[in-house]
Every structure is written in C-alpha cells, then in structure tokens.
Amino acid sequence: MPMTKPKMLCVDDEPEILNFLEAAFIPIGYEVIKLENGEEALTKLKEEKIDLVISDPGLGNSYQYCICPRNYPKGGA
C-alpha cells in the first residue's frame, strides 16, 4: 500500500514566502498547498485533511485564530 504524503497548508499574501516554504518542505516529504488568503484556507480545511498549517498572522480579518479551534477542537487531528 503506497504511503500518502502529509499535507501542509501555507497561507500568505506574499508569493515569495509561499515559494520558500514549498521549496523547504517538499524535499522532506510534504505535499504543499499554497493559498493567498484566509477565506480560501478555511474552505480548503473543510474539504481536506491537513496535517500542518503555516499562516501569516498579518493577513487580517483574524481568520488564523479560528483555524485550529474550528477544525481541531481537541487540539489534534
């Protein structure tokens, strides 16, 4: 049975940072999903199981403060 890669969600409005994170995490086995806003991130979290989220706290709308409590209320996946 083939192993699936852990999924990482990167959320930032700066493409350079998203590309850096992708370049850093793909070689160590992650599938990297890059998004540029919080609304897209919340939608993606509803659609897929995500193992790791890295988010820019300066994106605004305070969406990042609801990602983990909303999607992982007991603190883990």
PDB file of N, CA and C in Angstrom:
ATOM      1  N   MET A   1       0.845  -1.180   0.000  1.00  0.00           N
ATOM      2  CA  MET A   1       0.000   0.000   0.000  1.00  0.00           C
ATOM      3  C   MET A   1       0.891   1.244   0.000  1.00  0.00           C
ATOM      4  N   PRO A   2       0.716   2.158  -0.955  1.00  0.00           N
ATOM      5  CA  PRO A   2       1.558   3.353  -1.004  1.00  0.00           C
ATOM      6  C   PRO A   2       1.229   4.306   0.142  1.00  0.00           C
ATOM      7  N   MET A   3       2.269   4.907   0.701  1.00  0.00           N
ATOM      8  CA  MET A   3       2.072   5.878   1.777  1.00  0.00           C
ATOM      9  C   MET A   3       1.682   7.225   1.176  1.00  0.00           C
ATOM     10  N   THR A   4       0.765   7.907   1.844  1.00  0.00           N
ATOM     11  CA  THR A   4       0.407   9.245   1.386  1.00  0.00           C
ATOM     12  C   THR A   4       1.286  10.261   2.097  1.00  0.00           C
ATOM     13  N   LYS A   5       1.599  11.317   1.400  1.00  0.00           N
ATOM     14  CA  LYS A   5       2.412  12.378   1.980  1.00  0.00           C
ATOM     15  C   LYS A   5       1.555  13.202   2.936  1.00  0.00           C
ATOM     16  N   PRO A   6       2.144  13.686   4.034  1.00  0.00           N
ATOM     17  CA  PRO A   6       1.394  14.608   4.882  1.00  0.00           C
ATOM     18  C   PRO A   6       1.143  15.902   4.118  1.00  0.00           C
ATOM     19  N   LYS A   7      -0.013  16.503   4.362  1.00  0.00           N
ATOM     20  CA  LYS A   7      -0.378  17.737   3.664  1.00  0.00           C
ATOM     21  C   LYS A   7      -0.130  18.945   4.552  1.00  0.00           C
ATOM     22  N   MET A   8       0.502  19.934   3.945  1.00  0.00           N
ATOM     23  CA  MET A   8       0.806  21.179   4.631  1.00  0.00           C
ATOM     24  C   MET A   8       0.099  22.316   3.903  1.00  0.00           C
ATOM     25  N   LEU A   9      -0.593  23.150   4.648  1.00  0.00           N
ATOM     26  CA  LEU A   9      -1.263  24.311   4.083  1.00  0.00           C
ATOM     27  C   LEU A   9      -0.475  25.554   4.464  1.00  0.00           C
ATOM     28  N   CYS A  10      -0.025  26.298   3.466  1.00  0.00           N
ATOM     29  CA  CYS A  10       0.704  27.550   3.670  1.00  0.00           C
ATOM     30  C   CYS A  10      -0.194  28.689   3.215  1.00  0.00           C
ATOM     31  N   VAL A  11      -0.384  29.673   4.101  1.00  0.00           N
ATOM     32  CA  VAL A  11      -1.261  30.798   3.784  1.00  0.00           C
ATOM     33  C   VAL A  11      -0.481  32.088   3.979  1.00  0.00           C
ATOM     34  N   ASP A  12      -0.282  32.813   2.897  1.00  0.00           N
ATOM     35  CA  ASP A  12       0.455  34.077   2.947  1.00  0.00           C
ATOM     36  C   ASP A  12       0.111  34.878   1.702  1.00  0.00           C
ATOM     37  N   ASP A  13       0.123  36.193   1.831  1.00  0.00           N
ATOM     38  CA  ASP A  13      -0.175  37.028   0.669  1.00  0.00           C
ATOM     39  C   ASP A  13       1.081  37.410  -0.111  1.00  0.00           C
ATOM     40  N   GLU A  14       2.227  36.870   0.285  1.00  0.00           N
ATOM     41  CA  GLU A  14       3.479  37.124  -0.430  1.00  0.00           C
ATOM     42  C   GLU A  14       3.931  35.843  -1.136  1.00  0.00           C
ATOM     43  N   PRO A  15       3.869  35.811  -2.468  1.00  0.00           N
ATOM     44  CA  PRO A  15       4.244  34.610  -3.218  1.00  0.00           C
ATOM     45  C   PRO A  15       5.666  34.122  -2.931  1.00  0.00           C
ATOM     46  N   GLU A  16       6.580  35.044  -2.633  1.00  0.00           N
ATOM     47  CA  GLU A  16       7.961  34.638  -2.350  1.00  0.00           C
ATOM     48  C   GLU A  16       8.033  33.753  -1.108  1.00  0.00           C
ATOM     49  N   ILE A  17       7.248  34.091  -0.101  1.00  0.00           N
ATOM     50  CA  ILE A  17       7.242  33.293   1.129  1.00  0.00           C
ATOM     51  C   ILE A  17       6.607  31.933   0.866  1.00  0.00           C
ATOM     52  N   LEU A  18       5.522  31.912   0.113  1.00  0.00           N
ATOM     53  CA  LEU A  18       4.893  30.635  -0.233  1.00  0.00           C
ATOM     54  C   LEU A  18       5.858  29.743  -1.004  1.00  0.00           C
ATOM     55  N   ASN A  19       6.582  30.317  -1.946  1.00  0.00           N
ATOM     56  CA  ASN A  19       7.549  29.537  -2.726  1.00  0.00           C
ATOM     57  C   ASN A  19       8.692  29.035  -1.856  1.00  0.00           C
ATOM     58  N   PHE A  20       9.142  29.853  -0.901  1.00  0.00           N
ATOM     59  CA  PHE A  20      10.199  29.432   0.017  1.00  0.00           C
ATOM     60  C   PHE A  20       9.736  28.241   0.854  1.00  0.00           C
ATOM     61  N   LEU A  21       8.538  28.338   1.414  1.00  0.00           N
ATOM     62  CA  LEU A  21       8.014  27.239   2.233  1.00  0.00           C
ATOM     63  C   LEU A  21       7.854  25.965   1.414  1.00  0.00           C
ATOM     64  N   GLU A  22       7.367  26.113   0.203  1.00  0.00           N
ATOM     65  CA  GLU A  22       7.223  24.955  -0.680  1.00  0.00           C
ATOM     66  C   GLU A  22       8.583  24.308  -0.938  1.00  0.00           C
ATOM     67  N   ALA A  23       9.582  25.117  -1.239  1.00  0.00           N
ATOM     68  CA  ALA A  23      10.926  24.594  -1.515  1.00  0.00           C
ATOM     69  C   ALA A  23      11.538  23.935  -0.286  1.00  0.00           C
ATOM     70  N   ALA A  24      11.182  24.405   0.893  1.00  0.00           N
ATOM     71  CA  ALA A  24      11.732  23.839   2.126  1.00  0.00           C
ATOM     72  C   ALA A  24      11.046  22.541   2.538  1.00  0.00           C
ATOM     73  N   PHE A  25       9.747  22.409   2.280  1.00  0.00           N
ATOM     74  CA  PHE A  25       9.003  21.266   2.807  1.00  0.00           C
ATOM     75  C   PHE A  25       8.791  20.123   1.825  1.00  0.00           C
ATOM     76  N   ILE A  26       8.817  20.383   0.538  1.00  0.00           N
ATOM     77  CA  ILE A  26       8.671  19.283  -0.424  1.00  0.00           C
ATOM     78  C   ILE A  26       9.806  18.268  -0.291  1.00  0.00           C
ATOM     79  N   PRO A  27      11.071  18.700  -0.153  1.00  0.00           N
ATOM     80  CA  PRO A  27      12.155  17.712  -0.045  1.00  0.00           C
ATOM     81  C   PRO A  27      12.071  16.809   1.189  1.00  0.00           C
ATOM     82  N   ILE A  28      11.347  17.246   2.216  1.00  0.00           N
ATOM     83  CA  ILE A  28      11.232  16.396   3.405  1.00  0.00           C
ATOM     84  C   ILE A  28       9.908  15.629   3.437  1.00  0.00           C
ATOM     85  N   GLY A  29       9.230  15.596   2.287  1.00  0.00           N
ATOM     86  CA  GLY A  29       8.103  14.685   2.140  1.00  0.00           C
ATOM     87  C   GLY A  29       6.707  15.255   2.242  1.00  0.00           C
ATOM     88  N   TYR A  30       6.557  16.561   2.315  1.00  0.00           N
ATOM     89  CA  TYR A  30       5.222  17.150   2.415  1.00  0.00           C
ATOM     90  C   TYR A  30       4.628  17.457   1.049  1.00  0.00           C
ATOM     91  N   GLU A  31       3.324  17.320   0.962  1.00  0.00           N
ATOM     92  CA  GLU A  31       2.571  17.890  -0.153  1.00  0.00           C
ATOM     93  C   GLU A  31       2.187  19.294   0.307  1.00  0.00           C
ATOM     94  N   VAL A  32       2.580  20.306  -0.437  1.00  0.00           N
ATOM     95  CA  VAL A  32       2.370  21.690  -0.020  1.00  0.00           C
ATOM     96  C   VAL A  32       1.238  22.315  -0.831  1.00  0.00           C
ATOM     97  N   ILE A  33       0.273  22.855  -0.107  1.00  0.00           N
ATOM     98  CA  ILE A  33      -0.836  23.584  -0.714  1.00  0.00           C
ATOM     99  C   ILE A  33      -0.631  25.052  -0.365  1.00  0.00           C
ATOM    100  N   LYS A  34      -0.558  25.907  -1.378  1.00  0.00           N
ATOM    101  CA  LYS A  34      -0.300  27.331  -1.160  1.00  0.00           C
ATOM    102  C   LYS A  34      -1.562  28.139  -1.460  1.00  0.00           C
ATOM    103  N   LEU A  35      -1.948  28.980  -0.497  1.00  0.00           N
ATOM    104  CA  LEU A  35      -3.101  29.859  -0.681  1.00  0.00           C
ATOM    105  C   LEU A  35      -2.730  31.265  -0.226  1.00  0.00           C
ATOM    106  N   GLU A  36      -3.420  32.254  -0.792  1.00  0.00           N
ATOM    107  CA  GLU A  36      -3.062  33.638  -0.511  1.00  0.00           C
ATOM    108  C   GLU A  36      -4.040  34.381   0.392  1.00  0.00           C
ATOM    109  N   ASN A  37      -5.113  33.728   0.855  1.00  0.00           N
ATOM    110  CA  ASN A  37      -5.994  34.424   1.796  1.00  0.00           C
ATOM    111  C   ASN A  37      -6.683  33.440   2.735  1.00  0.00           C
ATOM    112  N   GLY A  38      -7.159  33.992   3.832  1.00  0.00           N
ATOM    113  CA  GLY A  38      -7.745  33.180   4.878  1.00  0.00           C
ATOM    114  C   GLY A  38      -9.045  32.508   4.511  1.00  0.00           C
ATOM    115  N   GLU A  39      -9.847  33.166   3.706  1.00  0.00           N
ATOM    116  CA  GLU A  39     -11.121  32.569   3.314  1.00  0.00           C
ATOM    117  C   GLU A  39     -10.896  31.286   2.521  1.00  0.00           C
ATOM    118  N   GLU A  40      -9.926  31.328   1.594  1.00  0.00           N
ATOM    119  CA  GLU A  40      -9.590  30.117   0.831  1.00  0.00           C
ATOM    120  C   GLU A  40      -9.070  29.029   1.764  1.00  0.00           C
ATOM    121  N   ALA A  41      -8.282  29.429   2.762  1.00  0.00           N
ATOM    122  CA  ALA A  41      -7.722  28.455   3.707  1.00  0.00           C
ATOM    123  C   ALA A  41      -8.822  27.756   4.490  1.00  0.00           C
ATOM    124  N   LEU A  42      -9.785  28.516   4.977  1.00  0.00           N
ATOM    125  CA  LEU A  42     -10.877  27.899   5.731  1.00  0.00           C
ATOM    126  C   LEU A  42     -11.681  26.941   4.861  1.00  0.00           C
ATOM    127  N   THR A  43     -11.890  27.299   3.607  1.00  0.00           N
ATOM    128  CA  THR A  43     -12.593  26.407   2.681  1.00  0.00           C
ATOM    129  C   THR A  43     -11.797  25.131   2.463  1.00  0.00           C
ATOM    130  N   LYS A  44     -10.497  25.261   2.229  1.00  0.00           N
ATOM    131  CA  LYS A  44      -9.638  24.091   1.990  1.00  0.00           C
ATOM    132  C   LYS A  44      -9.641  23.172   3.208  1.00  0.00           C
ATOM    133  N   LEU A  45      -9.620  23.748   4.413  1.00  0.00           N
ATOM    134  CA  LEU A  45      -9.626  22.935   5.628  1.00  0.00           C
ATOM    135  C   LEU A  45     -10.925  22.146   5.781  1.00  0.00           C
ATOM    136  N   LYS A  46     -11.996  22.659   5.239  1.00  0.00           N
ATOM    137  CA  LYS A  46     -13.265  21.921   5.275  1.00  0.00           C
ATOM    138  C   LYS A  46     -13.276  20.785   4.264  1.00  0.00           C
ATOM    139  N   GLU A  47     -12.511  20.946   3.185  1.00  0.00           N
ATOM    140  CA  GLU A  47     -12.521  19.974   2.092  1.00  0.00           C
ATOM    141  C   GLU A  47     -11.528  18.830   2.283  1.00  0.00           C
ATOM    142  N   GLU A  48     -10.403  19.104   2.932  1.00  0.00           N
ATOM    143  CA  GLU A  48      -9.321  18.120   3.001  1.00  0.00           C
ATOM    144  C   GLU A  48      -8.759  17.995   4.406  1.00  0.00           C
ATOM    145  N   LYS A  49      -8.156  16.852   4.674  1.00  0.00           N
ATOM    146  CA  LYS A  49      -7.426  16.663   5.927  1.00  0.00           C
ATOM    147  C   LYS A  49      -6.049  17.293   5.747  1.00  0.00           C
ATOM    148  N   ILE A  50      -5.750  18.281   6.579  1.00  0.00           N
ATOM    149  CA  ILE A  50      -4.475  18.984   6.534  1.00  0.00           C
ATOM    150  C   ILE A  50      -3.709  18.631   7.804  1.00  0.00           C
ATOM    151  N   ASP A  51      -2.431  18.287   7.653  1.00  0.00           N
ATOM    152  CA  ASP A  51      -1.620  17.874   8.790  1.00  0.00           C
ATOM    153  C   ASP A  51      -0.863  19.024   9.450  1.00  0.00           C
ATOM    154  N   LEU A  52      -0.566  20.068   8.688  1.00  0.00           N
ATOM    155  CA  LEU A  52       0.221  21.187   9.208  1.00  0.00           C
ATOM    156  C   LEU A  52      -0.233  22.463   8.525  1.00  0.00           C
ATOM    157  N   VAL A  53      -0.410  23.535   9.314  1.00  0.00           N
ATOM    158  CA  VAL A  53      -0.774  24.838   8.759  1.00  0.00           C
ATOM    159  C   VAL A  53       0.278  25.853   9.176  1.00  0.00           C
ATOM    160  N   ILE A  54       0.800  26.587   8.197  1.00  0.00           N
ATOM    161  CA  ILE A  54       1.664  27.733   8.472  1.00  0.00           C
ATOM    162  C   ILE A  54       0.975  28.934   7.852  1.00  0.00           C
ATOM    163  N   SER A  55       0.705  29.942   8.695  1.00  0.00           N
ATOM    164  CA  SER A  55      -0.083  31.079   8.251  1.00  0.00           C
ATOM    165  C   SER A  55       0.568  32.392   8.669  1.00  0.00           C
ATOM    166  N   ASP A  56       0.466  33.385   7.820  1.00  0.00           N
ATOM    167  CA  ASP A  56       0.931  34.734   8.112  1.00  0.00           C
ATOM    168  C   ASP A  56      -0.065  35.390   9.067  1.00  0.00           C
ATOM    169  N   PRO A  57       0.359  35.738  10.289  1.00  0.00           N
ATOM    170  CA  PRO A  57      -0.580  36.357  11.231  1.00  0.00           C
ATOM    171  C   PRO A  57      -0.983  37.770  10.827  1.00  0.00           C
ATOM    172  N   GLY A  58      -0.308  38.347   9.849  1.00  0.00           N
ATOM    173  CA  GLY A  58      -0.628  39.698   9.433  1.00  0.00           C
ATOM    174  C   GLY A  58      -1.600  39.787   8.273  1.00  0.00           C
ATOM    175  N   LEU A  59      -2.281  38.709   7.943  1.00  0.00           N
ATOM    176  CA  LEU A  59      -3.198  38.735   6.802  1.00  0.00           C
ATOM    177  C   LEU A  59      -4.465  39.540   7.056  1.00  0.00           C
ATOM    178  N   GLY A  60      -4.831  39.726   8.283  1.00  0.00           N
ATOM    179  CA  GLY A  60      -6.039  40.479   8.581  1.00  0.00           C
ATOM    180  C   GLY A  60      -7.242  39.578   8.769  1.00  0.00           C
ATOM    181  N   ASN A  61      -8.334  40.179   9.176  1.00  0.00           N
ATOM    182  CA  ASN A  61      -9.609  39.501   9.424  1.00  0.00           C
ATOM    183  C   ASN A  61      -9.529  38.452  10.521  1.00  0.00           C
ATOM    184  N   SER A  62      -8.403  38.331  11.193  1.00  0.00           N
ATOM    185  CA  SER A  62      -8.227  37.418  12.329  1.00  0.00           C
ATOM    186  C   SER A  62      -8.666  35.994  12.043  1.00  0.00           C
ATOM    187  N   TYR A  63      -8.708  35.593  10.765  1.00  0.00           N
ATOM    188  CA  TYR A  63      -9.149  34.240  10.437  1.00  0.00           C
ATOM    189  C   TYR A  63      -8.234  33.183  11.034  1.00  0.00           C
ATOM    190  N   GLN A  64      -6.920  33.490  11.147  1.00  0.00           N
ATOM    191  CA  GLN A  64      -5.978  32.477  11.606  1.00  0.00           C
ATOM    192  C   GLN A  64      -6.264  32.029  13.032  1.00  0.00           C
ATOM    193  N   TYR A  65      -6.909  32.873  13.810  1.00  0.00           N
ATOM    194  CA  TYR A  65      -7.203  32.497  15.182  1.00  0.00           C
ATOM    195  C   TYR A  65      -8.356  31.503  15.275  1.00  0.00           C
ATOM    196  N   CYS A  66      -9.073  31.295  14.188  1.00  0.00           N
ATOM    197  CA  CYS A  66     -10.174  30.326  14.226  1.00  0.00           C
ATOM    198  C   CYS A  66      -9.849  29.054  13.459  1.00  0.00           C
ATOM    199  N   ILE A  67      -8.704  28.980  12.789  1.00  0.00           N
ATOM    200  CA  ILE A  67      -8.380  27.779  12.015  1.00  0.00           C
ATOM    201  C   ILE A  67      -8.298  26.558  12.918  1.00  0.00           C
ATOM    202  N   CYS A  68      -7.438  26.587  13.910  1.00  0.00           N
ATOM    203  CA  CYS A  68      -7.249  25.393  14.736  1.00  0.00           C
ATOM    204  C   CYS A  68      -8.438  25.099  15.632  1.00  0.00           C
ATOM    205  N   PRO A  69      -8.957  26.062  16.384  1.00  0.00           N
ATOM    206  CA  PRO A  69     -10.111  25.724  17.226  1.00  0.00           C
ATOM    207  C   PRO A  69     -11.305  25.210  16.430  1.00  0.00           C
ATOM    208  N   ARG A  70     -11.532  25.762  15.257  1.00  0.00           N
ATOM    209  CA  ARG A  70     -12.692  25.355  14.464  1.00  0.00           C
ATOM    210  C   ARG A  70     -12.494  23.977  13.853  1.00  0.00           C
ATOM    211  N   ASN A  71     -11.295  23.703  13.365  1.00  0.00           N
ATOM    212  CA  ASN A  71     -11.055  22.463  12.641  1.00  0.00           C
ATOM    213  C   ASN A  71     -10.477  21.347  13.502  1.00  0.00           C
ATOM    214  N   TYR A  72      -9.840  21.711  14.616  1.00  0.00           N
ATOM    215  CA  TYR A  72      -9.236  20.721  15.510  1.00  0.00           C
ATOM    216  C   TYR A  72      -9.578  21.089  16.951  1.00  0.00           C
ATOM    217  N   PRO A  73     -10.848  21.003  17.345  1.00  0.00           N
ATOM    218  CA  PRO A  73     -11.267  21.485  18.660  1.00  0.00           C
ATOM    219  C   PRO A  73     -10.606  20.783  19.838  1.00  0.00           C
ATOM    220  N   LYS A  74     -10.101  19.579  19.657  1.00  0.00           N
ATOM    221  CA  LYS A  74      -9.448  18.861  20.753  1.00  0.00           C
ATOM    222  C   LYS A  74      -7.938  18.970  20.676  1.00  0.00           C
ATOM    223  N   GLY A  75      -7.439  19.841  19.806  1.00  0.00           N
ATOM    224  CA  GLY A  75      -6.010  20.096  19.742  1.00  0.00           C
ATOM    225  C   GLY A  75      -5.227  19.192  18.814  1.00  0.00           C
ATOM    226  N   GLY A  76      -5.846  18.292  18.130  1.00  0.00           N
ATOM    227  CA  GLY A  76      -5.119  17.404  17.232  1.00  0.00           C
ATOM    228  C   GLY A  76      -6.019  16.862  16.149  1.00  0.00           C
ATOM    229  N   ALA A  77      -5.385  16.300  15.149  1.00  0.00           N
ATOM    230  CA  ALA A  77      -6.163  15.760  14.029  1.00  0.00           C
ATOM    231  C   ALA A  77      -6.643  14.367  14.329  1.00  0.00           C
TER     232      ALA A  77
END
